[in-house]
Amino acid sequence: MLLLAGPVCTVGQEMFYSDIVEQDPSRTIAEAEAAMPNFTGAPGYDPLPVLRELNTPSLWVLGLEDRSIPVKVTVDHLATLASAGRPFEWRTYPGLGHSLGPQIWADIAPWLARFR
């Protein structure tokens, strides 16, 4: 499974993060990340219960300048899932946002080749 800019957090957390950095472009990603523990809204769908049971090798590709999804929260959750034995990997790219960029394919192609 290959996920491009796929969040691993609740829908409510994603919306909270997006509201901080998308609605006010002067706010920084660091500010949004620092605010994430303060989220108290409705969580909405949470992918973690499904991901805890999933044994499909998976690669998340994430831009560290993403103003749509909380990458730090996503990576923290992925690290926890991987340490619990889920076959999950991720790559992060400084300077890339939600749209990512062509440089990601240099990592994706060899990862996919492992499953031929």
N, C-alpha and C. Protein backbone atom coordinates (compact mmCIF):
# COMPACT_ATOMS: atom_id res chain seq x y z
N MET A 1 0.86 -1.16 0.00
CA MET A 1 0.00 0.00 0.00
C MET A 1 0.91 1.23 0.00
N LEU A 2 0.63 2.14 -0.88
CA LEU A 2 1.39 3.38 -1.00
C LEU A 2 0.45 4.56 -0.73
N LEU A 3 0.84 5.41 0.21
CA LEU A 3 0.00 6.55 0.58
C LEU A 3 0.79 7.83 0.37
N LEU A 4 0.27 8.69 -0.48
CA LEU A 4 0.90 9.98 -0.76
C LEU A 4 0.19 11.04 0.07
N ALA A 5 0.92 11.64 1.01
CA ALA A 5 0.38 12.68 1.89
C ALA A 5 -0.86 12.20 2.64
N GLY A 6 -0.80 10.97 3.12
CA GLY A 6 -1.93 10.38 3.83
C GLY A 6 -1.80 10.56 5.34
N PRO A 7 -2.77 11.20 5.97
CA PRO A 7 -2.68 11.44 7.41
C PRO A 7 -2.96 10.17 8.22
N VAL A 8 -2.31 10.08 9.36
CA VAL A 8 -2.60 9.04 10.34
C VAL A 8 -2.98 9.77 11.63
N CYS A 9 -4.21 10.24 11.62
CA CYS A 9 -4.78 10.96 12.76
C CYS A 9 -6.29 10.99 12.54
N THR A 10 -7.00 11.50 13.51
CA THR A 10 -8.45 11.60 13.34
C THR A 10 -8.77 12.72 12.35
N VAL A 11 -9.95 12.65 11.79
CA VAL A 11 -10.40 13.71 10.89
C VAL A 11 -10.45 15.04 11.64
N GLY A 12 -10.90 15.02 12.88
CA GLY A 12 -10.95 16.24 13.68
C GLY A 12 -9.57 16.86 13.86
N GLN A 13 -8.55 16.03 14.12
CA GLN A 13 -7.19 16.55 14.26
C GLN A 13 -6.70 17.16 12.95
N GLU A 14 -6.99 16.48 11.86
CA GLU A 14 -6.57 17.01 10.56
C GLU A 14 -7.23 18.37 10.28
N MET A 15 -8.51 18.48 10.58
CA MET A 15 -9.21 19.74 10.35
C MET A 15 -8.68 20.84 11.27
N PHE A 16 -8.39 20.51 12.51
CA PHE A 16 -7.83 21.47 13.47
C PHE A 16 -6.50 22.00 12.95
N TYR A 17 -5.62 21.10 12.53
CA TYR A 17 -4.31 21.49 11.99
C TYR A 17 -4.48 22.36 10.74
N SER A 18 -5.31 21.90 9.82
CA SER A 18 -5.54 22.65 8.57
C SER A 18 -6.09 24.03 8.85
N ASP A 19 -7.00 24.14 9.79
CA ASP A 19 -7.56 25.46 10.13
C ASP A 19 -6.47 26.42 10.59
N ILE A 20 -5.49 25.92 11.31
CA ILE A 20 -4.43 26.78 11.81
C ILE A 20 -3.56 27.30 10.67
N VAL A 21 -3.09 26.42 9.80
CA VAL A 21 -2.11 26.84 8.79
C VAL A 21 -2.68 27.17 7.42
N GLU A 22 -3.85 26.64 7.08
CA GLU A 22 -4.42 26.97 5.77
C GLU A 22 -5.25 28.24 5.83
N GLN A 23 -5.96 28.44 6.92
CA GLN A 23 -6.81 29.63 7.04
C GLN A 23 -6.00 30.90 7.28
N ASP A 24 -4.84 30.74 7.91
CA ASP A 24 -3.98 31.89 8.21
C ASP A 24 -2.57 31.56 7.76
N PRO A 25 -2.24 31.87 6.50
CA PRO A 25 -0.92 31.52 5.96
C PRO A 25 0.26 32.12 6.71
N SER A 26 0.01 33.11 7.57
CA SER A 26 1.11 33.68 8.35
C SER A 26 1.51 32.76 9.50
N ARG A 27 0.63 31.81 9.85
CA ARG A 27 0.95 30.86 10.92
C ARG A 27 1.89 29.80 10.39
N THR A 28 2.81 29.38 11.21
CA THR A 28 3.82 28.40 10.78
C THR A 28 3.38 26.98 11.09
N ILE A 29 4.02 26.06 10.41
CA ILE A 29 3.78 24.64 10.68
C ILE A 29 4.19 24.32 12.11
N ALA A 30 5.28 24.90 12.58
CA ALA A 30 5.71 24.66 13.96
C ALA A 30 4.64 25.11 14.96
N GLU A 31 3.96 26.22 14.68
CA GLU A 31 2.88 26.68 15.55
C GLU A 31 1.73 25.68 15.55
N ALA A 32 1.40 25.18 14.38
CA ALA A 32 0.30 24.21 14.28
C ALA A 32 0.66 22.91 15.00
N GLU A 33 1.89 22.45 14.82
CA GLU A 33 2.32 21.23 15.51
C GLU A 33 2.28 21.42 17.03
N ALA A 34 2.71 22.59 17.49
CA ALA A 34 2.70 22.87 18.92
C ALA A 34 1.28 22.92 19.48
N ALA A 35 0.33 23.30 18.64
CA ALA A 35 -1.06 23.41 19.08
C ALA A 35 -1.79 22.07 19.10
N MET A 36 -1.28 21.07 18.42
CA MET A 36 -2.00 19.80 18.28
C MET A 36 -2.41 19.17 19.61
N PRO A 37 -1.58 19.19 20.65
CA PRO A 37 -2.02 18.59 21.92
C PRO A 37 -3.22 19.33 22.55
N ASN A 38 -3.51 20.52 22.08
CA ASN A 38 -4.64 21.29 22.61
C ASN A 38 -5.96 20.95 21.94
N PHE A 39 -5.95 20.08 20.94
CA PHE A 39 -7.18 19.73 20.23
C PHE A 39 -8.15 19.02 21.18
N THR A 40 -9.37 19.55 21.26
CA THR A 40 -10.41 18.95 22.11
C THR A 40 -11.73 18.78 21.37
N GLY A 41 -11.70 18.96 20.05
CA GLY A 41 -12.94 18.88 19.28
C GLY A 41 -13.39 17.45 19.03
N ALA A 42 -14.42 17.34 18.25
CA ALA A 42 -14.94 16.02 17.87
C ALA A 42 -13.89 15.31 17.04
N PRO A 43 -13.55 14.08 17.39
CA PRO A 43 -12.48 13.40 16.66
C PRO A 43 -12.86 12.98 15.24
N GLY A 44 -14.08 12.58 15.03
CA GLY A 44 -14.44 12.04 13.72
C GLY A 44 -13.75 10.70 13.50
N TYR A 45 -13.67 10.29 12.26
CA TYR A 45 -13.08 8.98 11.94
C TYR A 45 -11.64 8.90 12.42
N ASP A 46 -11.29 7.78 13.01
CA ASP A 46 -9.93 7.52 13.48
C ASP A 46 -9.41 6.27 12.78
N PRO A 47 -8.36 6.40 11.94
CA PRO A 47 -7.84 5.24 11.22
C PRO A 47 -7.00 4.30 12.08
N LEU A 48 -6.61 4.71 13.28
CA LEU A 48 -5.70 3.89 14.07
C LEU A 48 -6.21 2.49 14.40
N PRO A 49 -7.47 2.30 14.78
CA PRO A 49 -7.91 0.93 15.05
C PRO A 49 -7.75 -0.01 13.85
N VAL A 50 -8.03 0.49 12.66
CA VAL A 50 -7.86 -0.34 11.46
C VAL A 50 -6.38 -0.60 11.20
N LEU A 51 -5.56 0.45 11.32
CA LEU A 51 -4.13 0.29 11.05
C LEU A 51 -3.46 -0.64 12.06
N ARG A 52 -3.95 -0.68 13.28
CA ARG A 52 -3.39 -1.60 14.29
C ARG A 52 -3.57 -3.06 13.89
N GLU A 53 -4.57 -3.34 13.07
CA GLU A 53 -4.86 -4.71 12.65
C GLU A 53 -4.29 -5.04 11.26
N LEU A 54 -3.81 -4.05 10.55
CA LEU A 54 -3.39 -4.23 9.17
C LEU A 54 -1.97 -4.77 9.09
N ASN A 55 -1.77 -5.79 8.27
CA ASN A 55 -0.45 -6.38 8.08
C ASN A 55 0.06 -6.21 6.65
N THR A 56 -0.50 -5.27 5.94
CA THR A 56 -0.09 -4.99 4.57
C THR A 56 1.13 -4.08 4.57
N PRO A 57 2.23 -4.47 3.92
CA PRO A 57 3.37 -3.55 3.83
C PRO A 57 2.90 -2.22 3.23
N SER A 58 3.30 -1.14 3.89
CA SER A 58 2.80 0.18 3.51
C SER A 58 3.91 1.22 3.59
N LEU A 59 3.84 2.16 2.66
CA LEU A 59 4.80 3.27 2.64
C LEU A 59 4.02 4.58 2.59
N TRP A 60 4.25 5.44 3.57
CA TRP A 60 3.69 6.78 3.59
C TRP A 60 4.76 7.74 3.08
N VAL A 61 4.37 8.61 2.16
CA VAL A 61 5.26 9.62 1.59
C VAL A 61 4.72 10.98 2.01
N LEU A 62 5.55 11.74 2.75
CA LEU A 62 5.06 12.94 3.42
C LEU A 62 6.00 14.12 3.21
N GLY A 63 5.44 15.26 2.85
CA GLY A 63 6.21 16.49 2.76
C GLY A 63 6.22 17.20 4.10
N LEU A 64 7.38 17.59 4.58
CA LEU A 64 7.48 18.23 5.89
C LEU A 64 6.91 19.65 5.92
N GLU A 65 6.61 20.21 4.75
CA GLU A 65 5.99 21.54 4.69
C GLU A 65 4.51 21.44 4.36
N ASP A 66 3.91 20.31 4.67
CA ASP A 66 2.49 20.08 4.37
C ASP A 66 1.63 20.96 5.27
N ARG A 67 0.79 21.76 4.66
CA ARG A 67 -0.10 22.66 5.41
C ARG A 67 -1.52 22.10 5.45
N SER A 68 -1.68 20.84 5.07
CA SER A 68 -3.00 20.23 5.07
C SER A 68 -3.12 19.12 6.11
N ILE A 69 -2.06 18.35 6.29
CA ILE A 69 -2.12 17.26 7.27
C ILE A 69 -1.00 17.42 8.30
N PRO A 70 -1.24 16.99 9.53
CA PRO A 70 -0.22 17.10 10.58
C PRO A 70 0.82 15.99 10.44
N VAL A 71 1.90 16.29 9.77
CA VAL A 71 2.92 15.28 9.48
C VAL A 71 3.57 14.76 10.76
N LYS A 72 3.86 15.63 11.71
CA LYS A 72 4.51 15.16 12.95
C LYS A 72 3.62 14.17 13.68
N VAL A 73 2.34 14.45 13.81
CA VAL A 73 1.41 13.52 14.45
C VAL A 73 1.37 12.21 13.65
N THR A 74 1.32 12.33 12.33
CA THR A 74 1.29 11.15 11.47
C THR A 74 2.52 10.28 11.69
N VAL A 75 3.70 10.89 11.67
CA VAL A 75 4.95 10.13 11.86
C VAL A 75 5.00 9.52 13.26
N ASP A 76 4.56 10.26 14.26
CA ASP A 76 4.54 9.71 15.62
C ASP A 76 3.65 8.47 15.69
N HIS A 77 2.47 8.54 15.07
CA HIS A 77 1.58 7.38 15.07
C HIS A 77 2.18 6.22 14.27
N LEU A 78 2.80 6.53 13.14
CA LEU A 78 3.42 5.47 12.35
C LEU A 78 4.55 4.79 13.11
N ALA A 79 5.34 5.57 13.83
CA ALA A 79 6.43 5.00 14.62
C ALA A 79 5.89 4.06 15.69
N THR A 80 4.80 4.46 16.34
CA THR A 80 4.18 3.60 17.34
C THR A 80 3.65 2.32 16.72
N LEU A 81 2.99 2.44 15.57
CA LEU A 81 2.47 1.25 14.88
C LEU A 81 3.60 0.34 14.42
N ALA A 82 4.66 0.90 13.89
CA ALA A 82 5.80 0.10 13.42
C ALA A 82 6.47 -0.61 14.60
N SER A 83 6.59 0.08 15.72
CA SER A 83 7.22 -0.55 16.89
C SER A 83 6.36 -1.68 17.45
N ALA A 84 5.06 -1.66 17.13
CA ALA A 84 4.16 -2.73 17.54
C ALA A 84 4.12 -3.86 16.51
N GLY A 85 4.97 -3.77 15.49
CA GLY A 85 5.08 -4.86 14.52
C GLY A 85 4.34 -4.67 13.21
N ARG A 86 3.67 -3.54 13.02
CA ARG A 86 3.01 -3.31 11.74
C ARG A 86 4.09 -3.05 10.69
N PRO A 87 3.92 -3.54 9.46
CA PRO A 87 4.94 -3.40 8.40
C PRO A 87 4.84 -2.05 7.69
N PHE A 88 4.95 -0.99 8.47
CA PHE A 88 4.77 0.36 7.95
C PHE A 88 6.09 1.10 7.89
N GLU A 89 6.29 1.80 6.78
CA GLU A 89 7.45 2.65 6.59
C GLU A 89 6.97 4.02 6.15
N TRP A 90 7.84 5.00 6.25
CA TRP A 90 7.50 6.35 5.80
C TRP A 90 8.78 7.04 5.37
N ARG A 91 8.58 7.99 4.48
CA ARG A 91 9.67 8.87 4.03
C ARG A 91 9.15 10.30 4.15
N THR A 92 10.00 11.16 4.68
CA THR A 92 9.64 12.57 4.77
C THR A 92 10.59 13.38 3.91
N TYR A 93 10.08 14.49 3.37
CA TYR A 93 10.83 15.31 2.43
C TYR A 93 10.80 16.77 2.85
N PRO A 94 11.95 17.29 3.29
CA PRO A 94 12.02 18.72 3.62
C PRO A 94 11.71 19.55 2.38
N GLY A 95 11.01 20.64 2.58
CA GLY A 95 10.72 21.57 1.49
C GLY A 95 9.53 21.20 0.64
N LEU A 96 8.97 20.01 0.85
CA LEU A 96 7.80 19.60 0.05
C LEU A 96 6.54 19.74 0.89
N GLY A 97 5.47 20.15 0.21
CA GLY A 97 4.17 20.28 0.85
C GLY A 97 3.25 19.14 0.49
N HIS A 98 1.97 19.39 0.55
CA HIS A 98 0.95 18.37 0.32
C HIS A 98 0.99 17.82 -1.11
N SER A 99 1.42 18.64 -2.06
CA SER A 99 1.49 18.19 -3.46
C SER A 99 2.71 17.32 -3.74
N LEU A 100 3.64 17.30 -2.79
CA LEU A 100 4.88 16.53 -2.93
C LEU A 100 5.65 17.01 -4.16
N GLY A 101 6.37 16.14 -4.81
CA GLY A 101 7.16 16.54 -5.97
C GLY A 101 7.77 15.32 -6.62
N PRO A 102 8.39 15.47 -7.78
CA PRO A 102 8.89 14.31 -8.52
C PRO A 102 10.02 13.57 -7.81
N GLN A 103 10.73 14.20 -6.88
CA GLN A 103 11.83 13.52 -6.21
C GLN A 103 11.39 12.34 -5.37
N ILE A 104 10.12 12.25 -5.05
CA ILE A 104 9.64 11.13 -4.24
C ILE A 104 9.79 9.80 -4.97
N TRP A 105 9.75 9.82 -6.29
CA TRP A 105 9.76 8.57 -7.06
C TRP A 105 11.08 7.83 -6.92
N ALA A 106 12.14 8.52 -6.57
CA ALA A 106 13.42 7.85 -6.36
C ALA A 106 13.36 6.90 -5.16
N ASP A 107 12.47 7.18 -4.21
CA ASP A 107 12.28 6.28 -3.07
C ASP A 107 11.15 5.29 -3.29
N ILE A 108 10.15 5.70 -4.03
CA ILE A 108 8.98 4.83 -4.23
C ILE A 108 9.31 3.65 -5.13
N ALA A 109 10.00 3.89 -6.23
CA ALA A 109 10.30 2.81 -7.18
C ALA A 109 11.03 1.64 -6.52
N PRO A 110 12.12 1.88 -5.76
CA PRO A 110 12.79 0.73 -5.13
C PRO A 110 11.94 0.06 -4.06
N TRP A 111 11.11 0.85 -3.37
CA TRP A 111 10.25 0.24 -2.36
C TRP A 111 9.25 -0.70 -3.04
N LEU A 112 8.63 -0.25 -4.11
CA LEU A 112 7.69 -1.11 -4.84
C LEU A 112 8.37 -2.34 -5.43
N ALA A 113 9.60 -2.19 -5.90
CA ALA A 113 10.34 -3.30 -6.51
C ALA A 113 10.57 -4.45 -5.53
N ARG A 114 10.56 -4.16 -4.25
CA ARG A 114 10.74 -5.22 -3.24
C ARG A 114 9.61 -6.23 -3.25
N PHE A 115 8.48 -5.86 -3.86
CA PHE A 115 7.30 -6.72 -3.79
C PHE A 115 6.97 -7.38 -5.13
N ARG A 116 7.90 -7.35 -6.04
CA ARG A 116 7.66 -8.02 -7.33
C ARG A 116 7.76 -9.51 -7.21
